[in-house]
């Protein structure tokens, strides 16, 4: 039998979804998977270079479709997750670029201080 949940208590989300990094990666994994499925579906629908006919003419078209989909899934999911991770360092204050500016300022500061012997 299931126990009744008190009215003031909401069901708990799985613990992994509470971790912001994991949630970010899961969302971008789903985005990459949707892009991969749409691309494979578009390739089969548009039939460039008679790709659909070649796949369906094979004895086991499921394996060919699985390999095509798996390669696109790996590519697009990893690209979406990687771009989300790399975008974490961006500043949100109006589009100011943040790449490499800290290094240049550090070099300028060192060059401005006179040497003492």
C-alpha atoms as a PDB file:
ATOM      1  CA  UNK A   1       0.000   0.000   0.000  1.00  0.00           C
ATOM      2  CA  UNK A   2       1.141   3.533  -0.711  1.00  0.00           C
ATOM      3  CA  UNK A   3       1.310   5.996   2.116  1.00  0.00           C
ATOM      4  CA  UNK A   4      -0.675   9.188   1.780  1.00  0.00           C
ATOM      5  CA  UNK A   5       1.473  12.295   1.318  1.00  0.00           C
ATOM      6  CA  UNK A   6       0.663  15.247   3.567  1.00  0.00           C
ATOM      7  CA  UNK A   7      -1.005  18.147   1.786  1.00  0.00           C
ATOM      8  CA  UNK A   8       1.752  20.674   2.522  1.00  0.00           C
ATOM      9  CA  UNK A   9       4.543  18.443   1.187  1.00  0.00           C
ATOM     10  CA  UNK A  10       5.249  18.342  -2.548  1.00  0.00           C
ATOM     11  CA  UNK A  11       6.785  15.315  -4.287  1.00  0.00           C
ATOM     12  CA  UNK A  12      10.577  15.483  -4.346  1.00  0.00           C
ATOM     13  CA  UNK A  13      12.518  15.778  -7.563  1.00  0.00           C
ATOM     14  CA  UNK A  14      15.294  13.248  -8.073  1.00  0.00           C
ATOM     15  CA  UNK A  15      18.482  14.337  -6.330  1.00  0.00           C
ATOM     16  CA  UNK A  16      20.504  14.557  -9.535  1.00  0.00           C
ATOM     17  CA  UNK A  17      18.151  17.169 -10.987  1.00  0.00           C
ATOM     18  CA  UNK A  18      18.841  19.409  -8.003  1.00  0.00           C
ATOM     19  CA  UNK A  19      22.494  19.737  -8.992  1.00  0.00           C
ATOM     20  CA  UNK A  20      22.679  22.764 -11.341  1.00  0.00           C
ATOM     21  CA  UNK A  21      25.527  21.399 -13.461  1.00  0.00           C
ATOM     22  CA  UNK A  22      23.799  18.068 -14.004  1.00  0.00           C
ATOM     23  CA  UNK A  23      20.539  19.830 -14.851  1.00  0.00           C
ATOM     24  CA  UNK A  24      22.372  22.052 -17.352  1.00  0.00           C
ATOM     25  CA  UNK A  25      23.982  19.029 -18.975  1.00  0.00           C
ATOM     26  CA  UNK A  26      20.702  17.078 -19.073  1.00  0.00           C
ATOM     27  CA  UNK A  27      18.854  19.952 -20.751  1.00  0.00           C
ATOM     28  CA  UNK A  28      21.576  20.393 -23.353  1.00  0.00           C
ATOM     29  CA  UNK A  29      21.748  16.638 -23.896  1.00  0.00           C
ATOM     30  CA  UNK A  30      18.032  16.696 -24.729  1.00  0.00           C
ATOM     31  CA  UNK A  31      18.532  19.674 -27.061  1.00  0.00           C
ATOM     32  CA  UNK A  32      21.338  17.862 -28.886  1.00  0.00           C
ATOM     33  CA  UNK A  33      19.268  14.679 -29.131  1.00  0.00           C
ATOM     34  CA  UNK A  34      16.324  16.593 -30.616  1.00  0.00           C
ATOM     35  CA  UNK A  35      18.630  18.230 -33.157  1.00  0.00           C
ATOM     36  CA  UNK A  36      20.102  14.851 -34.120  1.00  0.00           C
ATOM     37  CA  UNK A  37      16.705  13.217 -34.555  1.00  0.00           C
ATOM     38  CA  UNK A  38      15.473  16.172 -36.615  1.00  0.00           C
ATOM     39  CA  UNK A  39      18.563  16.041 -38.812  1.00  0.00           C
ATOM     40  CA  UNK A  40      18.280  12.302 -39.461  1.00  0.00           C
ATOM     41  CA  UNK A  41      14.564  12.694 -40.152  1.00  0.00           C
ATOM     42  CA  UNK A  42      15.285  15.587 -42.509  1.00  0.00           C
ATOM     43  CA  UNK A  43      17.944  13.585 -44.328  1.00  0.00           C
ATOM     44  CA  UNK A  44      15.554  10.697 -44.785  1.00  0.00           C
ATOM     45  CA  UNK A  45      12.759  13.013 -45.886  1.00  0.00           C
ATOM     46  CA  UNK A  46      14.836  15.071 -48.342  1.00  0.00           C
ATOM     47  CA  UNK A  47      16.663  11.970 -49.622  1.00  0.00           C
ATOM     48  CA  UNK A  48      19.933  13.657 -50.686  1.00  0.00           C
ATOM     49  CA  UNK A  49      22.036  11.456 -52.995  1.00  0.00           C
ATOM     50  CA  UNK A  50      19.305   8.787 -52.671  1.00  0.00           C
ATOM     51  CA  UNK A  51      20.313   8.130 -49.057  1.00  0.00           C
ATOM     52  CA  UNK A  52      16.870   6.893 -47.997  1.00  0.00           C
ATOM     53  CA  UNK A  53      16.719   4.499 -50.949  1.00  0.00           C
ATOM     54  CA  UNK A  54      20.187   3.154 -50.135  1.00  0.00           C
ATOM     55  CA  UNK A  55      19.305   2.585 -46.492  1.00  0.00           C
ATOM     56  CA  UNK A  56      15.949   0.959 -47.175  1.00  0.00           C
ATOM     57  CA  UNK A  57      17.356  -1.253 -49.962  1.00  0.00           C
ATOM     58  CA  UNK A  58      19.715  -2.930 -47.491  1.00  0.00           C
ATOM     59  CA  UNK A  59      18.860  -6.288 -45.886  1.00  0.00           C
ATOM     60  CA  UNK A  60      18.954  -4.712 -42.422  1.00  0.00           C
ATOM     61  CA  UNK A  61      17.985  -1.045 -42.708  1.00  0.00           C
ATOM     62  CA  UNK A  62      17.533  -0.775 -38.938  1.00  0.00           C
ATOM     63  CA  UNK A  63      21.248  -1.184 -38.324  1.00  0.00           C
ATOM     64  CA  UNK A  64      22.106   1.503 -40.873  1.00  0.00           C
ATOM     65  CA  UNK A  65      19.550   3.886 -39.344  1.00  0.00           C
ATOM     66  CA  UNK A  66      20.818   3.095 -35.848  1.00  0.00           C
ATOM     67  CA  UNK A  67      24.428   3.796 -36.822  1.00  0.00           C
ATOM     68  CA  UNK A  68      23.473   7.042 -38.565  1.00  0.00           C
ATOM     69  CA  UNK A  69      21.357   8.204 -35.637  1.00  0.00           C
ATOM     70  CA  UNK A  70      23.955   7.162 -33.039  1.00  0.00           C
ATOM     71  CA  UNK A  71      26.720   9.092 -34.789  1.00  0.00           C
ATOM     72  CA  UNK A  72      24.569  12.223 -34.996  1.00  0.00           C
ATOM     73  CA  UNK A  73      23.481  11.787 -31.365  1.00  0.00           C
ATOM     74  CA  UNK A  74      27.071  11.589 -30.150  1.00  0.00           C
ATOM     75  CA  UNK A  75      28.079  14.596 -32.234  1.00  0.00           C
ATOM     76  CA  UNK A  76      25.177  16.932 -31.455  1.00  0.00           C
ATOM     77  CA  UNK A  77      24.759  15.985 -27.793  1.00  0.00           C
ATOM     78  CA  UNK A  78      28.440  16.503 -27.059  1.00  0.00           C
ATOM     79  CA  UNK A  79      28.473  19.784 -29.018  1.00  0.00           C
ATOM     80  CA  UNK A  80      25.429  21.118 -27.144  1.00  0.00           C
ATOM     81  CA  UNK A  81      26.777  20.063 -23.754  1.00  0.00           C
ATOM     82  CA  UNK A  82      30.258  21.418 -24.505  1.00  0.00           C
ATOM     83  CA  UNK A  83      28.961  24.774 -25.670  1.00  0.00           C
ATOM     84  CA  UNK A  84      26.824  25.051 -22.533  1.00  0.00           C
ATOM     85  CA  UNK A  85      29.840  24.375 -20.322  1.00  0.00           C
ATOM     86  CA  UNK A  86      32.035  26.844 -22.205  1.00  0.00           C
ATOM     87  CA  UNK A  87      29.316  29.517 -22.060  1.00  0.00           C
ATOM     88  CA  UNK A  88      29.383  29.418 -18.249  1.00  0.00           C
ATOM     89  CA  UNK A  89      32.303  31.856 -18.138  1.00  0.00           C
ATOM     90  CA  UNK A  90      30.586  34.608 -20.106  1.00  0.00           C
ATOM     91  CA  UNK A  91      29.631  37.846 -18.410  1.00  0.00           C
ATOM     92  CA  UNK A  92      25.963  38.741 -18.462  1.00  0.00           C
ATOM     93  CA  UNK A  93      26.380  42.535 -18.316  1.00  0.00           C
ATOM     94  CA  UNK A  94      25.652  43.657 -21.844  1.00  0.00           C
ATOM     95  CA  UNK A  95      27.757  41.490 -24.105  1.00  0.00           C
ATOM     96  CA  UNK A  96      31.219  42.600 -23.021  1.00  0.00           C
ATOM     97  CA  UNK A  97      33.795  40.119 -24.274  1.00  0.00           C
ATOM     98  CA  UNK A  98      35.680  38.272 -21.581  1.00  0.00           C
ATOM     99  CA  UNK A  99      38.244  36.139 -23.414  1.00  0.00           C
ATOM    100  CA  UNK A 100      41.878  36.972 -22.735  1.00  0.00           C
ATOM    101  CA  UNK A 101      41.394  40.418 -21.229  1.00  0.00           C
ATOM    102  CA  UNK A 102      42.628  39.344 -17.801  1.00  0.00           C
ATOM    103  CA  UNK A 103      45.941  38.128 -19.199  1.00  0.00           C
ATOM    104  CA  UNK A 104      46.634  41.375 -21.025  1.00  0.00           C
ATOM    105  CA  UNK A 105      45.907  43.439 -17.932  1.00  0.00           C
ATOM    106  CA  UNK A 106      48.197  41.288 -15.824  1.00  0.00           C
ATOM    107  CA  UNK A 107      51.048  41.787 -18.289  1.00  0.00           C
ATOM    108  CA  UNK A 108      50.469  45.549 -18.331  1.00  0.00           C
ATOM    109  CA  UNK A 109      50.517  45.700 -14.537  1.00  0.00           C
ATOM    110  CA  UNK A 110      53.792  43.826 -14.328  1.00  0.00           C
ATOM    111  CA  UNK A 111      55.351  46.045 -16.974  1.00  0.00           C
ATOM    112  CA  UNK A 112      54.356  49.216 -15.103  1.00  0.00           C
ATOM    113  CA  UNK A 113      56.109  48.303 -11.833  1.00  0.00           C
ATOM    114  CA  UNK A 114      59.803  49.325 -11.796  1.00  0.00           C
ATOM    115  CA  UNK A 115      62.360  46.696 -10.952  1.00  0.00           C
ATOM    116  CA  UNK A 116      64.176  46.988  -7.641  1.00  0.00           C
ATOM    117  CA  UNK A 117      67.562  45.460  -7.034  1.00  0.00           C
END
